[in-house]
PDB file of N, CA and C in Angstrom:
ATOM      1  N   MET A   1      64.791 -58.770  20.901  1.00  0.00           N
ATOM      2  CA  MET A   1      64.738 -57.391  21.776  1.00  0.00           C
ATOM      3  C   MET A   1      64.964 -56.135  21.547  1.00  0.00           C
ATOM      4  N   SER A   2      64.097 -54.931  21.901  1.00  0.00           N
ATOM      5  CA  SER A   2      64.256 -53.654  21.453  1.00  0.00           C
ATOM      6  C   SER A   2      65.428 -52.947  22.356  1.00  0.00           C
ATOM      7  N   ASP A   3      65.605 -52.026  21.465  1.00  0.00           N
ATOM      8  CA  ASP A   3      66.955 -50.975  22.289  1.00  0.00           C
ATOM      9  C   ASP A   3      66.441 -49.845  22.754  1.00  0.00           C
ATOM     10  N   THR A   4      65.123 -49.792  23.207  1.00  0.00           N
ATOM     11  CA  THR A   4      64.218 -48.611  23.605  1.00  0.00           C
ATOM     12  C   THR A   4      64.767 -48.785  25.244  1.00  0.00           C
ATOM     13  N   LYS A   5      64.924 -47.668  25.672  1.00  0.00           N
ATOM     14  CA  LYS A   5      65.389 -48.212  27.456  1.00  0.00           C
ATOM     15  C   LYS A   5      64.056 -48.106  28.187  1.00  0.00           C
ATOM     16  N   ASN A   6      63.910 -48.692  29.108  1.00  0.00           N
ATOM     17  CA  ASN A   6      62.544 -48.517  30.093  1.00  0.00           C
ATOM     18  C   ASN A   6      62.853 -47.641  30.770  1.00  0.00           C
ATOM     19  N   PRO A   7      62.271 -46.357  31.428  1.00  0.00           N
ATOM     20  CA  PRO A   7      62.431 -44.983  32.313  1.00  0.00           C
ATOM     21  C   PRO A   7      62.498 -45.598  33.622  1.00  0.00           C
ATOM     22  N   ALA A   8      61.914 -46.780  33.877  1.00  0.00           N
ATOM     23  CA  ALA A   8      61.536 -47.286  35.172  1.00  0.00           C
ATOM     24  C   ALA A   8      63.053 -48.090  35.557  1.00  0.00           C
ATOM     25  N   ASP A   9      64.230 -48.263  34.638  1.00  0.00           N
ATOM     26  CA  ASP A   9      65.196 -48.738  34.834  1.00  0.00           C
ATOM     27  C   ASP A   9      66.036 -47.779  34.850  1.00  0.00           C
ATOM     28  N   GLU A  10      66.036 -46.820  34.897  1.00  0.00           N
ATOM     29  CA  GLU A  10      66.910 -45.410  34.768  1.00  0.00           C
ATOM     30  C   GLU A  10      66.891 -44.489  35.982  1.00  0.00           C
ATOM     31  N   PRO A  11      67.853 -44.192  36.873  1.00  0.00           N
ATOM     32  CA  PRO A  11      67.797 -43.516  38.028  1.00  0.00           C
ATOM     33  C   PRO A  11      67.135 -42.134  37.698  1.00  0.00           C
ATOM     34  N   ASP A  12      66.136 -41.873  38.728  1.00  0.00           N
ATOM     35  CA  ASP A  12      65.660 -40.463  38.538  1.00  0.00           C
ATOM     36  C   ASP A  12      66.495 -39.236  39.388  1.00  0.00           C
ATOM     37  N   ASN A  13      67.567 -38.540  38.360  1.00  0.00           N
ATOM     38  CA  ASN A  13      68.309 -37.672  38.989  1.00  0.00           C
ATOM     39  C   ASN A  13      67.232 -36.269  39.078  1.00  0.00           C
ATOM     40  N   SER A  14      66.395 -36.148  38.728  1.00  0.00           N
ATOM     41  CA  SER A  14      65.808 -34.927  38.513  1.00  0.00           C
ATOM     42  C   SER A  14      65.697 -34.009  39.547  1.00  0.00           C
ATOM     43  N   ASN A  15      65.498 -34.413  40.888  1.00  0.00           N
ATOM     44  CA  ASN A  15      65.495 -33.895  42.080  1.00  0.00           C
ATOM     45  C   ASN A  15      66.840 -33.157  42.183  1.00  0.00           C
ATOM     46  N   LEU A  16      67.941 -34.322  42.266  1.00  0.00           N
ATOM     47  CA  LEU A  16      69.411 -33.812  42.332  1.00  0.00           C
ATOM     48  C   LEU A  16      69.361 -32.503  41.609  1.00  0.00           C
ATOM     49  N   GLU A  17      68.864 -32.224  40.648  1.00  0.00           N
ATOM     50  CA  GLU A  17      69.240 -30.685  39.970  1.00  0.00           C
ATOM     51  C   GLU A  17      68.476 -29.824  39.864  1.00  0.00           C
ATOM     52  N   LYS A  18      67.373 -30.079  41.007  1.00  0.00           N
ATOM     53  CA  LYS A  18      66.640 -28.764  41.510  1.00  0.00           C
ATOM     54  C   LYS A  18      67.321 -27.753  42.551  1.00  0.00           C
ATOM     55  N   ALA A  19      67.212 -26.777  42.092  1.00  0.00           N
ATOM     56  CA  ALA A  19      67.771 -25.610  43.123  1.00  0.00           C
ATOM     57  C   ALA A  19      66.779 -25.591  44.458  1.00  0.00           C
ATOM     58  N   PRO A  20      67.439 -25.621  45.707  1.00  0.00           N
ATOM     59  CA  PRO A  20      66.506 -25.570  46.770  1.00  0.00           C
ATOM     60  C   PRO A  20      65.511 -24.766  46.922  1.00  0.00           C
ATOM     61  N   LYS A  21      65.519 -23.433  46.344  1.00  0.00           N
ATOM     62  CA  LYS A  21      64.248 -22.872  46.158  1.00  0.00           C
ATOM     63  C   LYS A  21      63.364 -23.315  45.236  1.00  0.00           C
ATOM     64  N   ASN A  22      63.685 -24.269  44.594  1.00  0.00           N
ATOM     65  CA  ASN A  22      62.372 -24.677  43.693  1.00  0.00           C
ATOM     66  C   ASN A  22      61.847 -25.880  44.361  1.00  0.00           C
ATOM     67  N   TRP A  23      62.163 -26.532  45.534  1.00  0.00           N
ATOM     68  CA  TRP A  23      61.551 -27.628  45.940  1.00  0.00           C
ATOM     69  C   TRP A  23      60.162 -27.425  46.099  1.00  0.00           C
ATOM     70  N   THR A  24      59.316 -28.620  46.299  1.00  0.00           N
ATOM     71  CA  THR A  24      58.013 -28.084  46.641  1.00  0.00           C
ATOM     72  C   THR A  24      58.028 -28.349  48.396  1.00  0.00           C
ATOM     73  N   THR A  25      58.614 -28.956  48.860  1.00  0.00           N
ATOM     74  CA  THR A  25      58.916 -29.322  50.177  1.00  0.00           C
ATOM     75  C   THR A  25      59.886 -28.010  51.069  1.00  0.00           C
ATOM     76  N   GLY A  26      60.521 -27.385  50.261  1.00  0.00           N
ATOM     77  CA  GLY A  26      61.776 -26.382  50.727  1.00  0.00           C
ATOM     78  C   GLY A  26      61.451 -25.632  52.061  1.00  0.00           C
ATOM     79  N   ASP A  27      60.146 -25.186  51.968  1.00  0.00           N
ATOM     80  CA  ASP A  27      59.633 -24.421  53.024  1.00  0.00           C
ATOM     81  C   ASP A  27      59.275 -25.108  54.179  1.00  0.00           C
ATOM     82  N   GLU A  28      59.697 -26.280  54.506  1.00  0.00           N
ATOM     83  CA  GLU A  28      59.271 -27.064  55.365  1.00  0.00           C
ATOM     84  C   GLU A  28      60.554 -27.286  56.196  1.00  0.00           C
ATOM     85  N   ALA A  29      60.331 -27.482  57.739  1.00  0.00           N
ATOM     86  CA  ALA A  29      61.067 -27.781  58.593  1.00  0.00           C
ATOM     87  C   ALA A  29      62.172 -28.715  57.956  1.00  0.00           C
ATOM     88  N   MET A  30      63.702 -28.001  58.305  1.00  0.00           N
ATOM     89  CA  MET A  30      64.953 -29.209  57.781  1.00  0.00           C
ATOM     90  C   MET A  30      64.531 -30.696  58.613  1.00  0.00           C
ATOM     91  N   THR A  31      65.260 -31.464  57.776  1.00  0.00           N
ATOM     92  CA  THR A  31      64.784 -32.856  58.280  1.00  0.00           C
ATOM     93  C   THR A  31      66.136 -33.183  59.438  1.00  0.00           C
ATOM     94  N   GLY A  32      65.994 -34.382  60.552  1.00  0.00           N
ATOM     95  CA  GLY A  32      66.442 -34.365  61.217  1.00  0.00           C
ATOM     96  C   GLY A  32      67.963 -34.684  60.975  1.00  0.00           C
ATOM     97  N   ALA A  33      68.241 -35.138  59.689  1.00  0.00           N
ATOM     98  CA  ALA A  33      69.606 -35.696  58.902  1.00  0.00           C
ATOM     99  C   ALA A  33      70.037 -34.465  58.794  1.00  0.00           C
ATOM    100  N   GLN A  34      69.552 -33.275  58.391  1.00  0.00           N
ATOM    101  CA  GLN A  34      69.979 -31.963  57.713  1.00  0.00           C
ATOM    102  C   GLN A  34      70.700 -31.383  59.158  1.00  0.00           C
ATOM    103  N   ALA A  35      69.436 -31.199  60.178  1.00  0.00           N
ATOM    104  CA  ALA A  35      69.940 -30.853  61.521  1.00  0.00           C
ATOM    105  C   ALA A  35      71.345 -31.639  61.773  1.00  0.00           C
ATOM    106  N   SER A  36      71.381 -32.536  61.942  1.00  0.00           N
ATOM    107  CA  SER A  36      72.565 -33.175  62.863  1.00  0.00           C
ATOM    108  C   SER A  36      73.838 -32.528  62.067  1.00  0.00           C
ATOM    109  N   TYR A  37      73.710 -32.981  60.736  1.00  0.00           N
ATOM    110  CA  TYR A  37      74.856 -32.880  60.001  1.00  0.00           C
ATOM    111  C   TYR A  37      75.315 -31.354  59.791  1.00  0.00           C
ATOM    112  N   LEU A  38      74.061 -30.317  59.839  1.00  0.00           N
ATOM    113  CA  LEU A  38      74.627 -28.675  59.865  1.00  0.00           C
ATOM    114  C   LEU A  38      74.873 -28.342  61.301  1.00  0.00           C
ATOM    115  N   GLN A  39      74.525 -29.009  62.485  1.00  0.00           N
ATOM    116  CA  GLN A  39      75.086 -28.753  63.875  1.00  0.00           C
ATOM    117  C   GLN A  39      76.770 -28.920  63.769  1.00  0.00           C
ATOM    118  N   THR A  40      76.825 -30.135  63.149  1.00  0.00           N
ATOM    119  CA  THR A  40      78.202 -30.319  63.090  1.00  0.00           C
ATOM    120  C   THR A  40      78.900 -29.331  62.375  1.00  0.00           C
ATOM    121  N   LEU A  41      78.620 -29.061  61.019  1.00  0.00           N
ATOM    122  CA  LEU A  41      79.242 -28.208  60.180  1.00  0.00           C
ATOM    123  C   LEU A  41      79.599 -26.772  60.977  1.00  0.00           C
ATOM    124  N   CYS A  42      78.305 -26.283  61.575  1.00  0.00           N
ATOM    125  CA  CYS A  42      78.629 -25.263  62.166  1.00  0.00           C
ATOM    126  C   CYS A  42      79.369 -25.148  63.394  1.00  0.00           C
ATOM    127  N   GLU A  43      79.493 -26.394  64.251  1.00  0.00           N
ATOM    128  CA  GLU A  43      80.474 -26.357  65.347  1.00  0.00           C
ATOM    129  C   GLU A  43      81.932 -26.570  64.795  1.00  0.00           C
ATOM    130  N   GLU A  44      82.326 -26.958  63.335  1.00  0.00           N
ATOM    131  CA  GLU A  44      83.712 -26.981  62.939  1.00  0.00           C
ATOM    132  C   GLU A  44      83.830 -25.834  62.259  1.00  0.00           C
ATOM    133  N   ALA A  45      83.143 -24.798  61.731  1.00  0.00           N
ATOM    134  CA  ALA A  45      83.123 -23.563  61.538  1.00  0.00           C
ATOM    135  C   ALA A  45      83.193 -22.557  62.350  1.00  0.00           C
ATOM    136  N   GLY A  46      82.784 -22.979  63.473  1.00  0.00           N
ATOM    137  CA  GLY A  46      82.528 -21.872  64.683  1.00  0.00           C
ATOM    138  C   GLY A  46      81.334 -20.581  64.459  1.00  0.00           C
ATOM    139  N   GLU A  47      80.422 -21.142  63.848  1.00  0.00           N
ATOM    140  CA  GLU A  47      79.135 -20.811  63.535  1.00  0.00           C
ATOM    141  C   GLU A  47      78.087 -21.092  64.359  1.00  0.00           C
ATOM    142  N   THR A  48      77.059 -20.297  64.600  1.00  0.00           N
ATOM    143  CA  THR A  48      76.017 -20.710  65.565  1.00  0.00           C
ATOM    144  C   THR A  48      74.838 -21.741  64.797  1.00  0.00           C
ATOM    145  N   PHE A  49      74.482 -22.752  65.070  1.00  0.00           N
ATOM    146  CA  PHE A  49      73.370 -23.722  64.505  1.00  0.00           C
ATOM    147  C   PHE A  49      72.022 -22.864  64.793  1.00  0.00           C
ATOM    148  N   ASP A  50      71.208 -22.828  63.754  1.00  0.00           N
ATOM    149  CA  ASP A  50      70.151 -22.114  63.719  1.00  0.00           C
ATOM    150  C   ASP A  50      69.253 -23.231  63.554  1.00  0.00           C
ATOM    151  N   GLU A  51      68.356 -23.598  64.311  1.00  0.00           N
ATOM    152  CA  GLU A  51      67.665 -24.967  64.494  1.00  0.00           C
ATOM    153  C   GLU A  51      66.325 -24.692  63.850  1.00  0.00           C
ATOM    154  N   ASN A  52      65.775 -23.383  63.542  1.00  0.00           N
ATOM    155  CA  ASN A  52      64.543 -22.843  62.890  1.00  0.00           C
ATOM    156  C   ASN A  52      64.450 -22.945  61.123  1.00  0.00           C
ATOM    157  N   LEU A  53      65.611 -23.344  60.457  1.00  0.00           N
ATOM    158  CA  LEU A  53      65.988 -23.268  59.096  1.00  0.00           C
ATOM    159  C   LEU A  53      65.074 -24.019  58.503  1.00  0.00           C
ATOM    160  N   THR A  54      64.679 -23.805  57.140  1.00  0.00           N
ATOM    161  CA  THR A  54      63.748 -24.624  56.674  1.00  0.00           C
ATOM    162  C   THR A  54      64.659 -25.713  55.757  1.00  0.00           C
ATOM    163  N   LYS A  55      63.849 -26.778  54.943  1.00  0.00           N
ATOM    164  CA  LYS A  55      64.873 -27.492  54.122  1.00  0.00           C
ATOM    165  C   LYS A  55      65.627 -27.105  52.938  1.00  0.00           C
ATOM    166  N   ALA A  56      65.211 -25.900  52.485  1.00  0.00           N
ATOM    167  CA  ALA A  56      65.899 -25.114  51.532  1.00  0.00           C
ATOM    168  C   ALA A  56      66.990 -24.388  52.097  1.00  0.00           C
ATOM    169  N   GLU A  57      66.853 -23.535  53.140  1.00  0.00           N
ATOM    170  CA  GLU A  57      67.654 -22.880  53.845  1.00  0.00           C
ATOM    171  C   GLU A  57      69.094 -23.622  54.338  1.00  0.00           C
ATOM    172  N   ALA A  58      68.475 -24.925  54.973  1.00  0.00           N
ATOM    173  CA  ALA A  58      69.604 -25.927  55.388  1.00  0.00           C
ATOM    174  C   ALA A  58      70.339 -26.480  54.229  1.00  0.00           C
ATOM    175  N   SER A  59      69.735 -26.901  53.354  1.00  0.00           N
ATOM    176  CA  SER A  59      70.491 -27.051  52.199  1.00  0.00           C
ATOM    177  C   SER A  59      71.837 -25.884  51.745  1.00  0.00           C
ATOM    178  N   LYS A  60      71.133 -25.016  51.659  1.00  0.00           N
ATOM    179  CA  LYS A  60      72.349 -23.734  51.267  1.00  0.00           C
ATOM    180  C   LYS A  60      73.298 -23.174  52.244  1.00  0.00           C
ATOM    181  N   LYS A  61      72.939 -23.423  53.590  1.00  0.00           N
ATOM    182  CA  LYS A  61      73.849 -23.412  54.493  1.00  0.00           C
ATOM    183  C   LYS A  61      74.523 -24.502  54.725  1.00  0.00           C
ATOM    184  N   ILE A  62      74.119 -25.763  54.548  1.00  0.00           N
ATOM    185  CA  ILE A  62      75.187 -26.973  54.220  1.00  0.00           C
ATOM    186  C   ILE A  62      76.135 -26.732  53.202  1.00  0.00           C
ATOM    187  N   ASP A  63      75.868 -26.323  52.070  1.00  0.00           N
ATOM    188  CA  ASP A  63      76.837 -26.111  51.289  1.00  0.00           C
ATOM    189  C   ASP A  63      77.530 -25.219  51.198  1.00  0.00           C
ATOM    190  N   GLU A  64      77.189 -23.810  51.879  1.00  0.00           N
ATOM    191  CA  GLU A  64      78.011 -22.943  52.232  1.00  0.00           C
ATOM    192  C   GLU A  64      79.264 -23.342  53.398  1.00  0.00           C
ATOM    193  N   LEU A  65      78.869 -24.059  54.369  1.00  0.00           N
ATOM    194  CA  LEU A  65      79.939 -24.692  55.385  1.00  0.00           C
ATOM    195  C   LEU A  65      80.431 -25.753  54.742  1.00  0.00           C
ATOM    196  N   GLN A  66      80.348 -26.543  53.619  1.00  0.00           N
ATOM    197  CA  GLN A  66      80.895 -27.650  53.306  1.00  0.00           C
ATOM    198  C   GLN A  66      82.366 -26.777  52.682  1.00  0.00           C
ATOM    199  N   ASN A  67      82.010 -25.678  52.081  1.00  0.00           N
ATOM    200  CA  ASN A  67      83.199 -25.278  51.364  1.00  0.00           C
ATOM    201  C   ASN A  67      84.027 -24.450  52.292  1.00  0.00           C
ATOM    202  N   LYS A  68      83.412 -23.983  53.621  1.00  0.00           N
ATOM    203  CA  LYS A  68      84.112 -23.117  54.443  1.00  0.00           C
ATOM    204  C   LYS A  68      85.083 -24.268  55.027  1.00  0.00           C
ATOM    205  N   THR A  69      84.508 -25.375  55.610  1.00  0.00           N
ATOM    206  CA  THR A  69      85.164 -26.334  56.314  1.00  0.00           C
ATOM    207  C   THR A  69      86.215 -27.347  55.412  1.00  0.00           C
ATOM    208  N   GLY A  70      85.945 -27.435  53.998  1.00  0.00           N
ATOM    209  CA  GLY A  70      86.869 -28.286  53.517  1.00  0.00           C
ATOM    210  C   GLY A  70      86.300 -29.684  53.274  1.00  0.00           C
ATOM    211  N   ARG A  71      84.893 -29.478  53.758  1.00  0.00           N
ATOM    212  CA  ARG A  71      84.105 -30.922  53.856  1.00  0.00           C
ATOM    213  C   ARG A  71      83.323 -31.242  52.389  1.00  0.00           C
ATOM    214  N   GLY A  72      83.206 -30.312  51.339  1.00  0.00           N
ATOM    215  CA  GLY A  72      82.459 -30.210  50.248  1.00  0.00           C
ATOM    216  C   GLY A  72      83.032 -31.160  49.333  1.00  0.00           C
ATOM    217  N   GLU A  73      82.375 -31.604  48.205  1.00  0.00           N
ATOM    218  CA  GLU A  73      82.889 -32.255  47.147  1.00  0.00           C
ATOM    219  C   GLU A  73      84.173 -31.968  46.613  1.00  0.00           C
ATOM    220  N   ASN A  74      84.678 -30.914  46.271  1.00  0.00           N
ATOM    221  CA  ASN A  74      85.847 -30.280  45.974  1.00  0.00           C
ATOM    222  C   ASN A  74      86.843 -29.711  46.971  1.00  0.00           C
ATOM    223  N   GLY A  75      86.465 -30.090  48.290  1.00  0.00           N
ATOM    224  CA  GLY A  75      86.922 -29.473  49.306  1.00  0.00           C
ATOM    225  C   GLY A  75      88.033 -30.387  49.832  1.00  0.00           C
TER     226      GLY A  75
END
């Protein structure tokens, strides 16, 4: 057996490391899942939900509100 790893056997985390502004689809409308979660976070944070955000804008807002509400990874 070879010690060489097959790239197909390794998880592709490259998209996890990209900043939202670098997403190729970042300027598209946010997904339904983003909208649902963002609406919940906005309610918890006492902020107005903006249904017209792009995927990238929604991602940034989700990060911001996760930190504000304590729902973030480190919160």
